[in-house]
């Protein structure tokens, strides 16, 4: 097979995979806003994620809202909505600086509190990778996605391409980890 054919096949699969990833970001992970959960987990870093959690808390009345990846200098009163949320324990996780660390921080919190299921809130383009990282550290945790919809524009497509590459990396890392754990090296 010529180098040109290999290149064209590679480009075809890359474009196809990227398009599929973008479509999944746009059309997957829709949350039934009538469904309520005791534990809501929010990943910081994107617009409207925390606001989405507080909005759901008004109608759902969860026991806990865990916000992972909060800047160390941020205090609870800095992010609370104007209308107070009653009877909800809001926890700020300040250790995580990236999605992999978010997963570890969330895993520690759910294990400390004997939690078996969460509603996960993050941006639509970030949901697939966030869930993959969480499943890697805790495959028993039930994760219900609640994606915050992004405006579909050129910037969104650029972000999705970047997320697509990160997902490829995660899948390769997880595959290599599985191979390493099953082989006798």
C-alpha atoms as a PDB file:
ATOM      1  CA  UNK A   1       0.000   0.000   0.000  1.00  0.00           C
ATOM      2  CA  UNK A   2       1.386   3.392  -0.906  1.00  0.00           C
ATOM      3  CA  UNK A   3       2.097   6.152   1.597  1.00  0.00           C
ATOM      4  CA  UNK A   4      -0.544   8.289  -0.105  1.00  0.00           C
ATOM      5  CA  UNK A   5      -3.262   5.639   0.428  1.00  0.00           C
ATOM      6  CA  UNK A   6      -2.286   5.172   4.069  1.00  0.00           C
ATOM      7  CA  UNK A   7      -2.402   8.940   4.546  1.00  0.00           C
ATOM      8  CA  UNK A   8      -5.832   9.237   2.899  1.00  0.00           C
ATOM      9  CA  UNK A   9      -7.243   6.337   4.932  1.00  0.00           C
ATOM     10  CA  UNK A  10      -5.870   7.889   8.124  1.00  0.00           C
ATOM     11  CA  UNK A  11      -7.380  11.285   7.273  1.00  0.00           C
ATOM     12  CA  UNK A  12     -10.705   9.619   6.419  1.00  0.00           C
ATOM     13  CA  UNK A  13     -10.884   7.846   9.786  1.00  0.00           C
ATOM     14  CA  UNK A  14      -9.728  10.950  11.678  1.00  0.00           C
ATOM     15  CA  UNK A  15     -12.361  13.173  10.018  1.00  0.00           C
ATOM     16  CA  UNK A  16     -15.056  10.522  10.467  1.00  0.00           C
ATOM     17  CA  UNK A  17     -14.159   9.953  14.117  1.00  0.00           C
ATOM     18  CA  UNK A  18     -14.030  13.663  14.813  1.00  0.00           C
ATOM     19  CA  UNK A  19     -17.421  14.236  13.143  1.00  0.00           C
ATOM     20  CA  UNK A  20     -18.941  11.373  15.122  1.00  0.00           C
ATOM     21  CA  UNK A  21     -17.487  12.781  18.347  1.00  0.00           C
ATOM     22  CA  UNK A  22     -18.951  16.229  17.602  1.00  0.00           C
ATOM     23  CA  UNK A  23     -22.371  14.735  16.841  1.00  0.00           C
ATOM     24  CA  UNK A  24     -22.272  12.767  20.098  1.00  0.00           C
ATOM     25  CA  UNK A  25     -21.395  15.958  21.974  1.00  0.00           C
ATOM     26  CA  UNK A  26     -24.327  17.819  20.442  1.00  0.00           C
ATOM     27  CA  UNK A  27     -27.016  15.142  20.622  1.00  0.00           C
ATOM     28  CA  UNK A  28     -26.072  12.839  23.510  1.00  0.00           C
ATOM     29  CA  UNK A  29     -26.260  13.239  27.261  1.00  0.00           C
ATOM     30  CA  UNK A  30     -29.611  14.959  27.442  1.00  0.00           C
ATOM     31  CA  UNK A  31     -30.886  14.996  31.015  1.00  0.00           C
ATOM     32  CA  UNK A  32     -34.478  14.417  32.028  1.00  0.00           C
ATOM     33  CA  UNK A  33     -35.003  17.483  34.206  1.00  0.00           C
ATOM     34  CA  UNK A  34     -37.821  15.712  36.037  1.00  0.00           C
ATOM     35  CA  UNK A  35     -35.393  13.099  37.350  1.00  0.00           C
ATOM     36  CA  UNK A  36     -33.989  13.942  40.755  1.00  0.00           C
ATOM     37  CA  UNK A  37     -30.792  12.798  42.398  1.00  0.00           C
ATOM     38  CA  UNK A  38     -29.480  12.997  45.942  1.00  0.00           C
ATOM     39  CA  UNK A  39     -25.963  13.846  44.774  1.00  0.00           C
ATOM     40  CA  UNK A  40     -25.078  16.342  42.082  1.00  0.00           C
ATOM     41  CA  UNK A  41     -21.462  16.687  40.983  1.00  0.00           C
ATOM     42  CA  UNK A  42     -20.303  19.694  38.956  1.00  0.00           C
ATOM     43  CA  UNK A  43     -16.996  20.076  37.136  1.00  0.00           C
ATOM     44  CA  UNK A  44     -15.840  23.677  37.018  1.00  0.00           C
ATOM     45  CA  UNK A  45     -14.311  25.258  33.970  1.00  0.00           C
ATOM     46  CA  UNK A  46     -17.239  25.919  31.658  1.00  0.00           C
ATOM     47  CA  UNK A  47     -20.008  28.432  31.436  1.00  0.00           C
ATOM     48  CA  UNK A  48     -23.281  27.798  33.233  1.00  0.00           C
ATOM     49  CA  UNK A  49     -22.235  24.514  34.884  1.00  0.00           C
ATOM     50  CA  UNK A  50     -22.643  25.724  38.474  1.00  0.00           C
ATOM     51  CA  UNK A  51     -25.775  27.684  37.558  1.00  0.00           C
ATOM     52  CA  UNK A  52     -27.244  24.480  36.096  1.00  0.00           C
ATOM     53  CA  UNK A  53     -26.607  22.651  39.364  1.00  0.00           C
ATOM     54  CA  UNK A  54     -28.227  25.386  41.425  1.00  0.00           C
ATOM     55  CA  UNK A  55     -31.187  25.505  39.051  1.00  0.00           C
ATOM     56  CA  UNK A  56     -31.688  21.745  39.391  1.00  0.00           C
ATOM     57  CA  UNK A  57     -31.318  22.045  43.155  1.00  0.00           C
ATOM     58  CA  UNK A  58     -34.308  24.377  43.333  1.00  0.00           C
ATOM     59  CA  UNK A  59     -36.622  21.767  41.857  1.00  0.00           C
ATOM     60  CA  UNK A  60     -34.820  18.560  42.850  1.00  0.00           C
ATOM     61  CA  UNK A  61     -33.711  19.246  46.403  1.00  0.00           C
ATOM     62  CA  UNK A  62     -30.586  17.053  46.378  1.00  0.00           C
ATOM     63  CA  UNK A  63     -28.774  16.225  49.594  1.00  0.00           C
ATOM     64  CA  UNK A  64     -25.377  17.260  48.209  1.00  0.00           C
ATOM     65  CA  UNK A  65     -23.821  19.357  45.495  1.00  0.00           C
ATOM     66  CA  UNK A  66     -20.129  18.629  45.098  1.00  0.00           C
ATOM     67  CA  UNK A  67     -18.262  21.166  42.961  1.00  0.00           C
ATOM     68  CA  UNK A  68     -14.917  19.779  41.808  1.00  0.00           C
ATOM     69  CA  UNK A  69     -11.970  21.849  40.643  1.00  0.00           C
ATOM     70  CA  UNK A  70     -12.781  25.059  42.481  1.00  0.00           C
ATOM     71  CA  UNK A  71     -10.015  27.661  42.617  1.00  0.00           C
ATOM     72  CA  UNK A  72      -8.323  27.540  46.043  1.00  0.00           C
ATOM     73  CA  UNK A  73      -9.175  31.163  46.868  1.00  0.00           C
ATOM     74  CA  UNK A  74     -12.887  30.745  46.118  1.00  0.00           C
ATOM     75  CA  UNK A  75     -15.270  30.733  49.051  1.00  0.00           C
ATOM     76  CA  UNK A  76     -18.782  29.314  49.056  1.00  0.00           C
ATOM     77  CA  UNK A  77     -20.390  32.751  49.268  1.00  0.00           C
ATOM     78  CA  UNK A  78     -18.534  33.681  46.046  1.00  0.00           C
ATOM     79  CA  UNK A  79     -20.541  31.209  43.986  1.00  0.00           C
ATOM     80  CA  UNK A  80     -23.890  30.916  45.749  1.00  0.00           C
ATOM     81  CA  UNK A  81     -26.894  32.162  43.799  1.00  0.00           C
ATOM     82  CA  UNK A  82     -28.819  35.210  44.994  1.00  0.00           C
ATOM     83  CA  UNK A  83     -31.747  33.009  45.964  1.00  0.00           C
ATOM     84  CA  UNK A  84     -30.511  30.739  48.762  1.00  0.00           C
ATOM     85  CA  UNK A  85     -30.705  26.984  48.384  1.00  0.00           C
ATOM     86  CA  UNK A  86     -32.059  25.420  51.529  1.00  0.00           C
ATOM     87  CA  UNK A  87     -31.219  22.025  52.983  1.00  0.00           C
ATOM     88  CA  UNK A  88     -28.498  21.262  50.428  1.00  0.00           C
ATOM     89  CA  UNK A  89     -24.958  20.503  51.514  1.00  0.00           C
ATOM     90  CA  UNK A  90     -22.635  22.301  49.065  1.00  0.00           C
ATOM     91  CA  UNK A  91     -19.052  21.018  49.071  1.00  0.00           C
ATOM     92  CA  UNK A  92     -16.194  22.714  47.263  1.00  0.00           C
ATOM     93  CA  UNK A  93     -13.451  20.429  46.009  1.00  0.00           C
ATOM     94  CA  UNK A  94     -10.296  22.488  45.651  1.00  0.00           C
ATOM     95  CA  UNK A  95      -7.665  19.869  44.803  1.00  0.00           C
ATOM     96  CA  UNK A  96      -8.350  19.161  41.113  1.00  0.00           C
ATOM     97  CA  UNK A  97      -6.720  21.162  38.342  1.00  0.00           C
ATOM     98  CA  UNK A  98      -7.740  18.965  35.383  1.00  0.00           C
ATOM     99  CA  UNK A  99     -10.277  16.300  34.417  1.00  0.00           C
ATOM    100  CA  UNK A 100      -8.152  13.377  35.600  1.00  0.00           C
ATOM    101  CA  UNK A 101      -7.747  15.029  38.999  1.00  0.00           C
ATOM    102  CA  UNK A 102     -11.499  15.839  39.021  1.00  0.00           C
ATOM    103  CA  UNK A 103     -12.188  12.120  38.730  1.00  0.00           C
ATOM    104  CA  UNK A 104      -9.879  11.308  41.641  1.00  0.00           C
ATOM    105  CA  UNK A 105     -11.334  14.103  43.783  1.00  0.00           C
ATOM    106  CA  UNK A 106     -14.893  12.949  43.071  1.00  0.00           C
ATOM    107  CA  UNK A 107     -13.956   9.324  43.730  1.00  0.00           C
ATOM    108  CA  UNK A 108     -12.540  10.224  47.142  1.00  0.00           C
ATOM    109  CA  UNK A 109     -15.699  12.161  47.997  1.00  0.00           C
ATOM    110  CA  UNK A 110     -18.125   9.411  46.919  1.00  0.00           C
ATOM    111  CA  UNK A 111     -16.140   6.746  48.799  1.00  0.00           C
ATOM    112  CA  UNK A 112     -15.929   8.865  51.965  1.00  0.00           C
ATOM    113  CA  UNK A 113     -19.692   9.401  51.856  1.00  0.00           C
ATOM    114  CA  UNK A 114     -20.723   5.919  50.648  1.00  0.00           C
ATOM    115  CA  UNK A 115     -22.341   7.281  47.488  1.00  0.00           C
ATOM    116  CA  UNK A 116     -23.205   4.905  44.659  1.00  0.00           C
ATOM    117  CA  UNK A 117     -24.720   7.250  42.056  1.00  0.00           C
ATOM    118  CA  UNK A 118     -24.323  10.842  40.949  1.00  0.00           C
ATOM    119  CA  UNK A 119     -25.728  13.296  38.471  1.00  0.00           C
ATOM    120  CA  UNK A 120     -22.689  14.669  36.642  1.00  0.00           C
ATOM    121  CA  UNK A 121     -22.858  18.204  35.259  1.00  0.00           C
ATOM    122  CA  UNK A 122     -20.311  19.447  32.772  1.00  0.00           C
ATOM    123  CA  UNK A 123     -20.289  20.909  29.272  1.00  0.00           C
ATOM    124  CA  UNK A 124     -21.554  18.784  26.386  1.00  0.00           C
ATOM    125  CA  UNK A 125     -18.125  18.662  24.726  1.00  0.00           C
ATOM    126  CA  UNK A 126     -16.513  17.596  28.026  1.00  0.00           C
ATOM    127  CA  UNK A 127     -18.992  14.929  29.147  1.00  0.00           C
ATOM    128  CA  UNK A 128     -17.574  11.905  27.322  1.00  0.00           C
ATOM    129  CA  UNK A 129     -14.049  12.433  28.652  1.00  0.00           C
ATOM    130  CA  UNK A 130     -15.283  13.241  32.163  1.00  0.00           C
ATOM    131  CA  UNK A 131     -17.302  10.038  32.297  1.00  0.00           C
ATOM    132  CA  UNK A 132     -14.376   8.014  30.932  1.00  0.00           C
ATOM    133  CA  UNK A 133     -12.052   9.397  33.610  1.00  0.00           C
ATOM    134  CA  UNK A 134     -14.603   8.737  36.365  1.00  0.00           C
ATOM    135  CA  UNK A 135     -15.222   5.180  35.171  1.00  0.00           C
ATOM    136  CA  UNK A 136     -11.484   4.544  35.122  1.00  0.00           C
ATOM    137  CA  UNK A 137     -11.125   5.371  38.827  1.00  0.00           C
ATOM    138  CA  UNK A 138     -14.487   3.956  39.953  1.00  0.00           C
ATOM    139  CA  UNK A 139     -16.248   1.506  37.668  1.00  0.00           C
ATOM    140  CA  UNK A 140     -18.983   0.852  40.251  1.00  0.00           C
ATOM    141  CA  UNK A 141     -20.226   4.437  40.430  1.00  0.00           C
ATOM    142  CA  UNK A 142     -23.441   5.032  38.491  1.00  0.00           C
ATOM    143  CA  UNK A 143     -23.066   8.242  36.535  1.00  0.00           C
ATOM    144  CA  UNK A 144     -26.052  10.054  35.068  1.00  0.00           C
ATOM    145  CA  UNK A 145     -24.940  12.780  32.656  1.00  0.00           C
ATOM    146  CA  UNK A 146     -26.423  16.249  32.553  1.00  0.00           C
ATOM    147  CA  UNK A 147     -24.686  18.183  29.804  1.00  0.00           C
ATOM    148  CA  UNK A 148     -24.717  21.954  29.688  1.00  0.00           C
ATOM    149  CA  UNK A 149     -25.346  22.771  26.045  1.00  0.00           C
ATOM    150  CA  UNK A 150     -22.787  24.897  24.253  1.00  0.00           C
ATOM    151  CA  UNK A 151     -23.446  27.320  21.438  1.00  0.00           C
ATOM    152  CA  UNK A 152     -22.650  25.441  18.265  1.00  0.00           C
ATOM    153  CA  UNK A 153     -20.224  27.739  16.486  1.00  0.00           C
ATOM    154  CA  UNK A 154     -16.669  27.706  15.178  1.00  0.00           C
ATOM    155  CA  UNK A 155     -15.136  27.866  18.678  1.00  0.00           C
ATOM    156  CA  UNK A 156     -17.282  24.904  19.741  1.00  0.00           C
ATOM    157  CA  UNK A 157     -15.938  22.866  16.822  1.00  0.00           C
ATOM    158  CA  UNK A 158     -12.352  23.772  17.753  1.00  0.00           C
ATOM    159  CA  UNK A 159     -12.964  22.740  21.363  1.00  0.00           C
ATOM    160  CA  UNK A 160     -14.528  19.463  20.175  1.00  0.00           C
ATOM    161  CA  UNK A 161     -11.506  18.686  17.990  1.00  0.00           C
ATOM    162  CA  UNK A 162      -9.252  19.239  21.011  1.00  0.00           C
ATOM    163  CA  UNK A 163     -11.526  17.043  23.180  1.00  0.00           C
ATOM    164  CA  UNK A 164     -11.530  14.369  20.465  1.00  0.00           C
ATOM    165  CA  UNK A 165      -7.748  14.168  20.655  1.00  0.00           C
ATOM    166  CA  UNK A 166      -7.874  13.978  24.449  1.00  0.00           C
ATOM    167  CA  UNK A 167     -10.397  11.132  24.187  1.00  0.00           C
ATOM    168  CA  UNK A 168      -8.090   9.259  21.807  1.00  0.00           C
ATOM    169  CA  UNK A 169      -5.289   9.680  24.351  1.00  0.00           C
ATOM    170  CA  UNK A 170      -7.501   8.427  27.201  1.00  0.00           C
ATOM    171  CA  UNK A 171      -8.671   5.411  25.227  1.00  0.00           C
ATOM    172  CA  UNK A 172      -5.072   4.526  24.301  1.00  0.00           C
ATOM    173  CA  UNK A 173      -3.921   5.002  27.907  1.00  0.00           C
ATOM    174  CA  UNK A 174      -6.750   2.819  29.198  1.00  0.00           C
ATOM    175  CA  UNK A 175      -6.094   0.151  26.571  1.00  0.00           C
ATOM    176  CA  UNK A 176      -2.378   0.083  27.370  1.00  0.00           C
ATOM    177  CA  UNK A 177      -3.211  -0.145  31.077  1.00  0.00           C
ATOM    178  CA  UNK A 178      -5.517  -3.084  30.423  1.00  0.00           C
ATOM    179  CA  UNK A 179      -2.887  -4.840  28.313  1.00  0.00           C
ATOM    180  CA  UNK A 180      -0.249  -4.193  30.963  1.00  0.00           C
ATOM    181  CA  UNK A 181      -2.475  -5.587  33.708  1.00  0.00           C
ATOM    182  CA  UNK A 182      -3.396  -8.750  31.772  1.00  0.00           C
ATOM    183  CA  UNK A 183       0.057  -9.589  30.433  1.00  0.00           C
ATOM    184  CA  UNK A 184       2.843 -11.152  32.425  1.00  0.00           C
ATOM    185  CA  UNK A 185       5.618  -8.561  31.959  1.00  0.00           C
END
